[in-house]
Amino acid sequence: MHTRRTAAQYRAIDLSLFALMLMVFETLIIRAATGWFRAEAWTVSAVPAITAIVMVRWGPWCAVHAALGGVVTVLALKGSPVQFLIYGIGNLAALAVWPFLKKIGWEALHRNILLNFLFGILTVLAMQAGRGLVALITGAPPGGMLLYITADSITYIFTLVILWICARLDGILENQKHYLARINDPENEEGGGSR
């Protein structure tokens, strides 16, 4: 017997899968960076890319992934308690990009590469600014804020490439309420018509 999942069940499964991907990818990236590329002055993170994808798919639910990404980052780096605040709370600043995404609409990310890139850049920048602000509040020197942006510069490129690829894959960079309606539309042959 075929059982249909509710939208809430689908959302819970989808959010859980993206959380699992975030934990695995971020841990592997950090292990590689601290093991193989120890001398490099830059870092890369999967957290902004996954947070941006979840923001498109489920809106403010991306806050879970932003905060979780901060916690995973600090755990993998064996960081200090204050770093849990800096990364966990600071990453929540990505939510500042949500009004921009609502205004342009997720469809624009498929039609306009510049808007796609701007969305990615704003997501990374918001997270870095959030971390810098929390660091300042917790007593870090003002010059430390610049370090968050410059040390994480490769993350911009990584995030842009991931979002560009996802915009070309059916259903990945798409509001999931729209996606579910589209694939369940009886008028839509094979449930996979055009966006």
N, C-alpha and C. Protein backbone atom coordinates (compact mmCIF):
# COMPACT_ATOMS: atom_id res chain seq x y z
N MET A 1 0.84 -1.17 0.00
CA MET A 1 0.00 0.00 0.00
C MET A 1 0.89 1.25 0.00
N HIS A 2 0.58 2.18 -0.87
CA HIS A 2 1.36 3.41 -1.02
C HIS A 2 0.82 4.48 -0.07
N THR A 3 1.68 4.96 0.83
CA THR A 3 1.26 6.01 1.76
C THR A 3 1.82 7.35 1.31
N ARG A 4 0.99 8.34 1.36
CA ARG A 4 1.42 9.69 0.99
C ARG A 4 1.88 10.42 2.23
N ARG A 5 2.94 11.14 2.08
CA ARG A 5 3.45 11.95 3.19
C ARG A 5 2.75 13.32 3.17
N THR A 6 2.60 13.87 4.35
CA THR A 6 2.06 15.22 4.43
C THR A 6 3.19 16.19 4.08
N ALA A 7 2.81 17.43 3.83
CA ALA A 7 3.81 18.46 3.53
C ALA A 7 4.74 18.65 4.73
N ALA A 8 4.20 18.56 5.94
CA ALA A 8 5.03 18.73 7.15
C ALA A 8 6.03 17.59 7.28
N GLN A 9 5.61 16.36 6.95
CA GLN A 9 6.53 15.22 6.99
C GLN A 9 7.62 15.37 5.94
N TYR A 10 7.22 15.79 4.75
CA TYR A 10 8.20 16.01 3.68
C TYR A 10 9.21 17.07 4.10
N ARG A 11 8.70 18.17 4.69
CA ARG A 11 9.59 19.25 5.13
C ARG A 11 10.56 18.73 6.19
N ALA A 12 10.07 17.96 7.16
CA ALA A 12 10.94 17.43 8.22
C ALA A 12 12.03 16.53 7.64
N ILE A 13 11.68 15.70 6.69
CA ILE A 13 12.66 14.81 6.05
C ILE A 13 13.67 15.64 5.26
N ASP A 14 13.18 16.59 4.49
CA ASP A 14 14.05 17.43 3.66
C ASP A 14 15.02 18.24 4.53
N LEU A 15 14.51 18.87 5.58
CA LEU A 15 15.37 19.65 6.47
C LEU A 15 16.39 18.77 7.17
N SER A 16 15.98 17.56 7.54
CA SER A 16 16.91 16.63 8.19
C SER A 16 18.02 16.19 7.23
N LEU A 17 17.67 15.93 5.99
CA LEU A 17 18.68 15.52 5.01
C LEU A 17 19.69 16.64 4.75
N PHE A 18 19.19 17.87 4.65
CA PHE A 18 20.12 18.99 4.45
C PHE A 18 20.97 19.22 5.70
N ALA A 19 20.42 19.00 6.88
CA ALA A 19 21.21 19.12 8.12
C ALA A 19 22.30 18.05 8.15
N LEU A 20 21.97 16.84 7.74
CA LEU A 20 22.96 15.77 7.70
C LEU A 20 24.07 16.09 6.69
N MET A 21 23.67 16.57 5.50
CA MET A 21 24.67 16.97 4.50
C MET A 21 25.58 18.06 5.05
N LEU A 22 24.98 19.03 5.71
CA LEU A 22 25.75 20.14 6.28
C LEU A 22 26.78 19.61 7.28
N MET A 23 26.35 18.75 8.18
CA MET A 23 27.26 18.22 9.20
C MET A 23 28.40 17.43 8.59
N VAL A 24 28.08 16.57 7.62
CA VAL A 24 29.11 15.73 6.99
C VAL A 24 30.08 16.58 6.18
N PHE A 25 29.56 17.45 5.30
CA PHE A 25 30.43 18.25 4.43
C PHE A 25 31.30 19.22 5.23
N GLU A 26 30.70 19.89 6.21
CA GLU A 26 31.47 20.86 6.99
C GLU A 26 32.57 20.18 7.79
N THR A 27 32.25 19.04 8.38
CA THR A 27 33.25 18.30 9.15
C THR A 27 34.39 17.83 8.24
N LEU A 28 34.05 17.28 7.07
CA LEU A 28 35.08 16.82 6.13
C LEU A 28 35.96 17.97 5.64
N ILE A 29 35.34 19.10 5.33
CA ILE A 29 36.10 20.26 4.85
C ILE A 29 37.06 20.74 5.93
N ILE A 30 36.59 20.81 7.17
CA ILE A 30 37.44 21.29 8.25
C ILE A 30 38.55 20.28 8.56
N ARG A 31 38.23 19.00 8.52
CA ARG A 31 39.26 17.99 8.75
C ARG A 31 40.34 18.07 7.68
N ALA A 32 39.93 18.28 6.43
CA ALA A 32 40.91 18.43 5.35
C ALA A 32 41.75 19.68 5.55
N ALA A 33 41.09 20.77 5.92
CA ALA A 33 41.81 22.04 6.11
C ALA A 33 42.80 21.97 7.26
N THR A 34 42.40 21.34 8.36
CA THR A 34 43.29 21.28 9.53
C THR A 34 44.32 20.16 9.42
N GLY A 35 44.07 19.21 8.54
CA GLY A 35 45.01 18.11 8.37
C GLY A 35 45.97 18.30 7.21
N TRP A 36 45.41 18.57 6.03
CA TRP A 36 46.22 18.64 4.81
C TRP A 36 46.68 20.05 4.48
N PHE A 37 45.85 21.05 4.77
CA PHE A 37 46.14 22.42 4.36
C PHE A 37 46.33 23.34 5.57
N ARG A 38 47.01 22.84 6.56
CA ARG A 38 47.19 23.54 7.83
C ARG A 38 47.84 24.92 7.67
N ALA A 39 48.75 25.05 6.74
CA ALA A 39 49.52 26.29 6.60
C ALA A 39 48.77 27.38 5.83
N GLU A 40 47.63 27.05 5.24
CA GLU A 40 46.91 28.03 4.42
C GLU A 40 46.22 29.08 5.30
N ALA A 41 46.16 30.30 4.79
CA ALA A 41 45.56 31.41 5.55
C ALA A 41 44.07 31.55 5.27
N TRP A 42 43.50 30.68 4.45
CA TRP A 42 42.09 30.80 4.10
C TRP A 42 41.33 29.56 4.57
N THR A 43 40.02 29.71 4.63
CA THR A 43 39.15 28.59 4.96
C THR A 43 38.01 28.57 3.95
N VAL A 44 37.30 27.47 3.92
CA VAL A 44 36.10 27.36 3.09
C VAL A 44 35.04 26.67 3.93
N SER A 45 33.79 27.02 3.68
CA SER A 45 32.70 26.47 4.46
C SER A 45 31.52 26.14 3.55
N ALA A 46 30.86 25.03 3.85
CA ALA A 46 29.64 24.64 3.12
C ALA A 46 28.39 25.25 3.75
N VAL A 47 28.54 25.84 4.92
CA VAL A 47 27.37 26.33 5.68
C VAL A 47 26.58 27.40 4.91
N PRO A 48 27.23 28.45 4.34
CA PRO A 48 26.42 29.44 3.63
C PRO A 48 25.68 28.87 2.42
N ALA A 49 26.32 27.99 1.68
CA ALA A 49 25.67 27.40 0.50
C ALA A 49 24.45 26.60 0.90
N ILE A 50 24.58 25.75 1.91
CA ILE A 50 23.46 24.92 2.34
C ILE A 50 22.38 25.78 2.98
N THR A 51 22.77 26.78 3.75
CA THR A 51 21.79 27.69 4.34
C THR A 51 21.01 28.42 3.25
N ALA A 52 21.69 28.87 2.20
CA ALA A 52 21.03 29.57 1.10
C ALA A 52 20.05 28.65 0.37
N ILE A 53 20.46 27.41 0.13
CA ILE A 53 19.57 26.45 -0.54
C ILE A 53 18.33 26.21 0.30
N VAL A 54 18.51 26.00 1.60
CA VAL A 54 17.36 25.76 2.49
C VAL A 54 16.49 27.01 2.58
N MET A 55 17.09 28.19 2.51
CA MET A 55 16.31 29.42 2.52
C MET A 55 15.37 29.47 1.32
N VAL A 56 15.87 29.09 0.16
CA VAL A 56 15.03 29.07 -1.04
C VAL A 56 13.94 28.02 -0.88
N ARG A 57 14.29 26.86 -0.37
CA ARG A 57 13.35 25.75 -0.26
C ARG A 57 12.28 25.97 0.82
N TRP A 58 12.69 26.49 1.99
CA TRP A 58 11.79 26.53 3.14
C TRP A 58 11.76 27.86 3.88
N GLY A 59 12.40 28.89 3.35
CA GLY A 59 12.36 30.20 3.99
C GLY A 59 13.13 30.24 5.30
N PRO A 60 12.54 30.85 6.33
CA PRO A 60 13.25 31.05 7.60
C PRO A 60 13.67 29.77 8.33
N TRP A 61 13.20 28.62 7.88
CA TRP A 61 13.68 27.37 8.46
C TRP A 61 15.20 27.24 8.31
N CYS A 62 15.77 28.01 7.41
CA CYS A 62 17.23 27.96 7.21
C CYS A 62 17.99 28.38 8.46
N ALA A 63 17.32 29.05 9.40
CA ALA A 63 17.97 29.45 10.65
C ALA A 63 18.51 28.24 11.40
N VAL A 64 17.79 27.13 11.33
CA VAL A 64 18.24 25.89 11.97
C VAL A 64 19.59 25.48 11.40
N HIS A 65 19.72 25.53 10.08
CA HIS A 65 20.95 25.09 9.41
C HIS A 65 22.08 26.08 9.62
N ALA A 66 21.74 27.37 9.67
CA ALA A 66 22.77 28.39 9.91
C ALA A 66 23.38 28.19 11.30
N ALA A 67 22.54 28.05 12.31
CA ALA A 67 23.04 27.86 13.68
C ALA A 67 23.75 26.52 13.83
N LEU A 68 23.15 25.47 13.27
CA LEU A 68 23.77 24.15 13.32
C LEU A 68 25.14 24.17 12.65
N GLY A 69 25.24 24.86 11.53
CA GLY A 69 26.52 24.97 10.83
C GLY A 69 27.57 25.62 11.70
N GLY A 70 27.18 26.64 12.45
CA GLY A 70 28.12 27.28 13.37
C GLY A 70 28.60 26.33 14.44
N VAL A 71 27.68 25.57 15.01
CA VAL A 71 28.04 24.61 16.06
C VAL A 71 28.96 23.53 15.51
N VAL A 72 28.63 23.00 14.34
CA VAL A 72 29.46 21.95 13.73
C VAL A 72 30.86 22.48 13.43
N THR A 73 30.93 23.70 12.92
CA THR A 73 32.23 24.32 12.62
C THR A 73 33.10 24.38 13.87
N VAL A 74 32.53 24.87 14.95
CA VAL A 74 33.30 25.02 16.19
C VAL A 74 33.67 23.65 16.77
N LEU A 75 32.75 22.69 16.71
CA LEU A 75 33.07 21.35 17.19
C LEU A 75 34.22 20.74 16.39
N ALA A 76 34.17 20.86 15.06
CA ALA A 76 35.21 20.28 14.21
C ALA A 76 36.55 20.97 14.43
N LEU A 77 36.51 22.27 14.75
CA LEU A 77 37.75 23.01 15.00
C LEU A 77 38.22 22.90 16.45
N LYS A 78 37.39 22.23 17.28
CA LYS A 78 37.67 22.13 18.72
C LYS A 78 37.84 23.52 19.32
N GLY A 79 36.87 24.37 19.01
CA GLY A 79 36.92 25.76 19.43
C GLY A 79 36.49 25.99 20.87
N SER A 80 36.53 27.24 21.26
CA SER A 80 36.22 27.65 22.63
C SER A 80 34.71 27.88 22.80
N PRO A 81 34.25 27.94 24.05
CA PRO A 81 32.82 28.21 24.28
C PRO A 81 32.33 29.51 23.64
N VAL A 82 33.16 30.56 23.67
CA VAL A 82 32.74 31.83 23.08
C VAL A 82 32.58 31.69 21.56
N GLN A 83 33.35 30.80 20.94
CA GLN A 83 33.20 30.59 19.49
C GLN A 83 31.85 29.96 19.14
N PHE A 84 31.29 29.18 20.06
CA PHE A 84 29.94 28.65 19.82
C PHE A 84 28.94 29.80 19.70
N LEU A 85 29.11 30.82 20.52
CA LEU A 85 28.24 32.00 20.42
C LEU A 85 28.49 32.74 19.12
N ILE A 86 29.77 32.97 18.80
CA ILE A 86 30.12 33.74 17.61
C ILE A 86 29.58 33.08 16.35
N TYR A 87 29.83 31.79 16.21
CA TYR A 87 29.41 31.10 14.98
C TYR A 87 27.93 30.71 15.01
N GLY A 88 27.46 30.21 16.14
CA GLY A 88 26.06 29.77 16.22
C GLY A 88 25.07 30.91 16.08
N ILE A 89 25.31 31.99 16.84
CA ILE A 89 24.40 33.14 16.78
C ILE A 89 24.73 34.02 15.58
N GLY A 90 26.01 34.22 15.32
CA GLY A 90 26.42 35.07 14.20
C GLY A 90 25.88 34.60 12.86
N ASN A 91 25.86 33.28 12.66
CA ASN A 91 25.35 32.75 11.39
C ASN A 91 23.88 33.05 11.16
N LEU A 92 23.15 33.31 12.24
CA LEU A 92 21.72 33.63 12.10
C LEU A 92 21.49 34.93 11.34
N ALA A 93 22.53 35.73 11.19
CA ALA A 93 22.39 36.97 10.42
C ALA A 93 22.04 36.69 8.96
N ALA A 94 22.21 35.45 8.52
CA ALA A 94 21.80 35.07 7.16
C ALA A 94 20.32 35.35 6.93
N LEU A 95 19.54 35.34 8.00
CA LEU A 95 18.11 35.63 7.88
C LEU A 95 17.84 37.03 7.35
N ALA A 96 18.83 37.91 7.44
CA ALA A 96 18.68 39.27 6.90
C ALA A 96 18.51 39.24 5.38
N VAL A 97 18.90 38.15 4.74
CA VAL A 97 18.80 38.02 3.28
C VAL A 97 17.40 37.55 2.86
N TRP A 98 16.64 37.00 3.80
CA TRP A 98 15.31 36.47 3.49
C TRP A 98 14.38 37.50 2.84
N PRO A 99 14.29 38.74 3.34
CA PRO A 99 13.43 39.73 2.66
C PRO A 99 13.85 39.99 1.21
N PHE A 100 15.15 40.01 0.95
CA PHE A 100 15.64 40.19 -0.43
C PHE A 100 15.15 39.04 -1.31
N LEU A 101 15.27 37.81 -0.82
CA LEU A 101 14.83 36.64 -1.60
C LEU A 101 13.32 36.69 -1.84
N LYS A 102 12.56 37.07 -0.82
CA LYS A 102 11.10 37.18 -0.99
C LYS A 102 10.77 38.23 -2.05
N LYS A 103 11.52 39.33 -2.04
CA LYS A 103 11.24 40.42 -2.99
C LYS A 103 11.52 40.00 -4.43
N ILE A 104 12.68 39.37 -4.66
CA ILE A 104 13.02 38.99 -6.05
C ILE A 104 12.33 37.71 -6.48
N GLY A 105 11.97 36.84 -5.53
CA GLY A 105 11.36 35.55 -5.85
C GLY A 105 12.41 34.52 -6.24
N TRP A 106 12.20 33.29 -5.80
CA TRP A 106 13.18 32.23 -6.06
C TRP A 106 13.37 31.99 -7.55
N GLU A 107 12.35 32.25 -8.35
CA GLU A 107 12.44 32.02 -9.80
C GLU A 107 13.54 32.88 -10.43
N ALA A 108 13.76 34.07 -9.87
CA ALA A 108 14.78 34.98 -10.41
C ALA A 108 16.17 34.38 -10.32
N LEU A 109 16.39 33.50 -9.36
CA LEU A 109 17.70 32.86 -9.21
C LEU A 109 18.01 31.93 -10.39
N HIS A 110 16.97 31.49 -11.08
CA HIS A 110 17.13 30.63 -12.25
C HIS A 110 17.29 31.45 -13.53
N ARG A 111 16.63 32.59 -13.57
CA ARG A 111 16.62 33.42 -14.79
C ARG A 111 17.81 34.37 -14.88
N ASN A 112 18.32 34.80 -13.74
CA ASN A 112 19.30 35.87 -13.73
C ASN A 112 20.52 35.47 -12.90
N ILE A 113 21.62 35.19 -13.56
CA ILE A 113 22.83 34.73 -12.87
C ILE A 113 23.36 35.79 -11.92
N LEU A 114 23.17 37.07 -12.27
CA LEU A 114 23.64 38.13 -11.38
C LEU A 114 22.86 38.14 -10.06
N LEU A 115 21.55 37.93 -10.12
CA LEU A 115 20.76 37.86 -8.90
C LEU A 115 21.11 36.61 -8.10
N ASN A 116 21.38 35.51 -8.80
CA ASN A 116 21.82 34.27 -8.15
C ASN A 116 23.10 34.53 -7.37
N PHE A 117 24.07 35.16 -8.04
CA PHE A 117 25.35 35.46 -7.40
C PHE A 117 25.18 36.46 -6.26
N LEU A 118 24.34 37.47 -6.46
CA LEU A 118 24.11 38.47 -5.41
C LEU A 118 23.51 37.80 -4.17
N PHE A 119 22.57 36.91 -4.39
CA PHE A 119 21.96 36.16 -3.28
C PHE A 119 23.02 35.38 -2.51
N GLY A 120 23.90 34.70 -3.23
CA GLY A 120 24.97 33.95 -2.58
C GLY A 120 25.93 34.84 -1.82
N ILE A 121 26.34 35.93 -2.44
CA ILE A 121 27.28 36.86 -1.80
C ILE A 121 26.65 37.46 -0.54
N LEU A 122 25.39 37.88 -0.64
CA LEU A 122 24.72 38.47 0.52
C LEU A 122 24.59 37.47 1.67
N THR A 123 24.34 36.21 1.34
CA THR A 123 24.21 35.19 2.39
C THR A 123 25.53 35.00 3.13
N VAL A 124 26.64 34.88 2.37
CA VAL A 124 27.95 34.72 3.01
C VAL A 124 28.31 35.97 3.80
N LEU A 125 28.11 37.13 3.20
CA LEU A 125 28.46 38.39 3.85
C LEU A 125 27.65 38.60 5.14
N ALA A 126 26.38 38.27 5.10
CA ALA A 126 25.54 38.42 6.29
C ALA A 126 26.04 37.53 7.42
N MET A 127 26.40 36.30 7.09
CA MET A 127 26.91 35.39 8.12
C MET A 127 28.22 35.91 8.70
N GLN A 128 29.11 36.37 7.84
CA GLN A 128 30.39 36.88 8.32
C GLN A 128 30.21 38.14 9.16
N ALA A 129 29.34 39.02 8.73
CA ALA A 129 29.06 40.24 9.50
C ALA A 129 28.44 39.88 10.84
N GLY A 130 27.54 38.91 10.84
CA GLY A 130 26.93 38.46 12.09
C GLY A 130 27.96 37.91 13.06
N ARG A 131 28.87 37.10 12.53
CA ARG A 131 29.95 36.56 13.39
C ARG A 131 30.82 37.69 13.92
N GLY A 132 31.17 38.62 13.04
CA GLY A 132 32.00 39.74 13.46
C GLY A 132 31.33 40.58 14.54
N LEU A 133 30.04 40.82 14.38
CA LEU A 133 29.29 41.60 15.36
C LEU A 133 29.23 40.89 16.71
N VAL A 134 28.94 39.59 16.69
CA VAL A 134 28.90 38.83 17.95
C VAL A 134 30.29 38.79 18.58
N ALA A 135 31.33 38.66 17.74
CA ALA A 135 32.70 38.67 18.26
C ALA A 135 33.00 40.00 18.97
N LEU A 136 32.58 41.11 18.35
CA LEU A 136 32.77 42.42 18.98
C LEU A 136 32.05 42.50 20.32
N ILE A 137 30.83 42.01 20.36
CA ILE A 137 30.03 42.04 21.59
C ILE A 137 30.69 41.20 22.68
N THR A 138 31.33 40.10 22.28
CA THR A 138 31.97 39.23 23.27
C THR A 138 33.39 39.67 23.62
N GLY A 139 33.82 40.81 23.08
CA GLY A 139 35.09 41.38 23.51
C GLY A 139 36.25 41.28 22.53
N ALA A 140 36.01 40.82 21.32
CA ALA A 140 37.10 40.73 20.33
C ALA A 140 37.46 42.14 19.85
N PRO A 141 38.71 42.35 19.43
CA PRO A 141 39.10 43.67 18.92
C PRO A 141 38.40 43.96 17.59
N PRO A 142 38.13 45.24 17.29
CA PRO A 142 37.42 45.59 16.05
C PRO A 142 38.08 45.06 14.77
N GLY A 143 39.41 44.97 14.75
CA GLY A 143 40.10 44.45 13.57
C GLY A 143 39.78 43.00 13.27
N GLY A 144 39.29 42.28 14.26
CA GLY A 144 38.94 40.87 14.08
C GLY A 144 37.80 40.66 13.10
N MET A 145 36.92 41.67 12.98
CA MET A 145 35.78 41.56 12.07
C MET A 145 36.25 41.41 10.62
N LEU A 146 37.28 42.15 10.26
CA LEU A 146 37.83 42.05 8.91
C LEU A 146 38.41 40.66 8.65
N LEU A 147 38.97 40.05 9.68
CA LEU A 147 39.55 38.72 9.54
C LEU A 147 38.48 37.69 9.17
N TYR A 148 37.27 37.82 9.71
CA TYR A 148 36.19 36.89 9.37
C TYR A 148 35.89 36.95 7.87
N ILE A 149 35.96 38.12 7.29
CA ILE A 149 35.63 38.29 5.88
C ILE A 149 36.78 37.84 4.98
N THR A 150 38.01 38.22 5.30
CA THR A 150 39.13 37.89 4.42
C THR A 150 39.54 36.42 4.50
N ALA A 151 39.53 35.83 5.69
CA ALA A 151 39.95 34.44 5.83
C ALA A 151 38.96 33.48 5.17
N ASP A 152 37.73 33.92 5.04
CA ASP A 152 36.67 33.06 4.50
C ASP A 152 36.35 33.40 3.04
N SER A 153 37.29 34.04 2.34
CA SER A 153 37.00 34.54 0.98
C SER A 153 36.70 33.43 -0.03
N ILE A 154 37.31 32.27 0.11
CA ILE A 154 37.05 31.16 -0.82
C ILE A 154 35.60 30.69 -0.70
N THR A 155 35.01 30.89 0.47
CA THR A 155 33.61 30.48 0.67
C THR A 155 32.68 31.21 -0.29
N TYR A 156 33.01 32.46 -0.65
CA TYR A 156 32.18 33.19 -1.62
C TYR A 156 32.14 32.42 -2.94
N ILE A 157 33.29 32.04 -3.44
CA ILE A 157 33.37 31.33 -4.72
C ILE A 157 32.66 29.99 -4.62
N PHE A 158 32.92 29.25 -3.54
CA PHE A 158 32.30 27.95 -3.32
C PHE A 158 30.77 28.08 -3.32
N THR A 159 30.26 29.07 -2.59
CA THR A 159 28.81 29.27 -2.49
C THR A 159 28.22 29.63 -3.85
N LEU A 160 28.89 30.52 -4.59
CA LEU A 160 28.38 30.92 -5.91
C LEU A 160 28.32 29.74 -6.86
N VAL A 161 29.35 28.91 -6.86
CA VAL A 161 29.37 27.73 -7.75
C VAL A 161 28.25 26.76 -7.38
N ILE A 162 28.08 26.50 -6.08
CA ILE A 162 27.02 25.58 -5.64
C ILE A 162 25.64 26.11 -6.03
N LEU A 163 25.39 27.39 -5.80
CA LEU A 163 24.08 27.96 -6.16
C LEU A 163 23.85 27.96 -7.66
N TRP A 164 24.90 28.22 -8.43
CA TRP A 164 24.78 28.20 -9.89
C TRP A 164 24.42 26.80 -10.38
N ILE A 165 25.08 25.78 -9.81
CA ILE A 165 24.78 24.39 -10.19
C ILE A 165 23.36 24.03 -9.78
N CYS A 166 22.98 24.39 -8.55
CA CYS A 166 21.65 24.04 -8.05
C CYS A 166 20.54 24.70 -8.86
N ALA A 167 20.79 25.88 -9.41
CA ALA A 167 19.79 26.56 -10.23
C ALA A 167 19.53 25.79 -11.53
N ARG A 168 20.44 24.92 -11.92
CA ARG A 168 20.29 24.14 -13.14
C ARG A 168 19.69 22.76 -12.91
N LEU A 169 19.53 22.38 -11.65
CA LEU A 169 18.97 21.08 -11.31
C LEU A 169 17.49 21.24 -10.96
N ASP A 170 16.67 20.37 -11.48
CA ASP A 170 15.23 20.47 -11.27
C ASP A 170 14.86 20.26 -9.80
N GLY A 171 14.18 21.25 -9.23
CA GLY A 171 13.61 21.11 -7.90
C GLY A 171 14.55 21.40 -6.74
N ILE A 172 15.83 21.60 -6.99
CA ILE A 172 16.76 21.82 -5.88
C ILE A 172 16.66 23.24 -5.34
N LEU A 173 16.82 24.22 -6.20
CA LEU A 173 16.75 25.62 -5.79
C LEU A 173 15.35 26.14 -6.14
N GLU A 174 14.36 25.56 -5.49
CA GLU A 174 12.95 25.87 -5.76
C GLU A 174 12.18 25.85 -4.45
N ASN A 175 11.29 26.81 -4.28
CA ASN A 175 10.40 26.80 -3.13
C ASN A 175 9.68 25.46 -3.12
N GLN A 176 9.76 24.73 -2.02
CA GLN A 176 9.25 23.37 -2.01
C GLN A 176 7.73 23.26 -1.99
N LYS A 177 7.03 24.30 -1.55
CA LYS A 177 5.57 24.28 -1.69
C LYS A 177 5.21 24.32 -3.17
N HIS A 178 5.93 25.14 -3.91
CA HIS A 178 5.72 25.21 -5.36
C HIS A 178 6.10 23.88 -6.01
N TYR A 179 7.22 23.33 -5.59
CA TYR A 179 7.71 22.07 -6.15
C TYR A 179 6.69 20.95 -5.93
N LEU A 180 6.17 20.83 -4.71
CA LEU A 180 5.20 19.78 -4.41
C LEU A 180 3.93 19.96 -5.23
N ALA A 181 3.47 21.20 -5.36
CA ALA A 181 2.28 21.46 -6.18
C ALA A 181 2.56 21.10 -7.64
N ARG A 182 3.76 21.42 -8.10
CA ARG A 182 4.12 21.16 -9.51
C ARG A 182 4.20 19.67 -9.81
N ILE A 183 4.83 18.90 -8.92
CA ILE A 183 4.98 17.47 -9.23
C ILE A 183 3.69 16.69 -9.00
N ASN A 184 2.77 17.27 -8.22
CA ASN A 184 1.49 16.59 -7.97
C ASN A 184 0.38 17.08 -8.88
N ASP A 185 0.70 17.98 -9.80
CA ASP A 185 -0.29 18.53 -10.72
C ASP A 185 -0.63 17.47 -11.78
N PRO A 186 -1.89 17.01 -11.81
CA PRO A 186 -2.26 15.99 -12.80
C PRO A 186 -2.15 16.48 -14.24
N GLU A 187 -2.19 17.79 -14.45
CA GLU A 187 -2.06 18.35 -15.80
C GLU A 187 -0.60 18.37 -16.26
N ASN A 188 0.30 18.19 -15.34
CA ASN A 188 1.72 18.26 -15.62
C ASN A 188 2.22 16.85 -15.90
N GLU A 189 2.47 16.55 -17.15
CA GLU A 189 2.92 15.20 -17.53
C GLU A 189 4.18 14.81 -16.78
N GLU A 190 4.19 13.61 -16.23
CA GLU A 190 5.31 13.03 -15.49
C GLU A 190 5.66 13.84 -14.25
N GLY A 191 4.83 14.82 -13.88
CA GLY A 191 5.07 15.59 -12.67
C GLY A 191 6.35 16.39 -12.68
N GLY A 192 6.90 16.64 -13.83
CA GLY A 192 8.18 17.36 -13.87
C GLY A 192 8.26 18.37 -14.96
N GLY A 193 7.18 19.11 -15.17
CA GLY A 193 7.19 20.12 -16.23
C GLY A 193 8.05 21.29 -15.90
N SER A 194 7.89 22.33 -16.65
CA SER A 194 8.73 23.51 -16.48
C SER A 194 8.39 24.25 -15.20
N ARG A 195 9.37 25.00 -14.71
CA ARG A 195 9.15 25.79 -13.50
C ARG A 195 8.19 26.87 -13.85
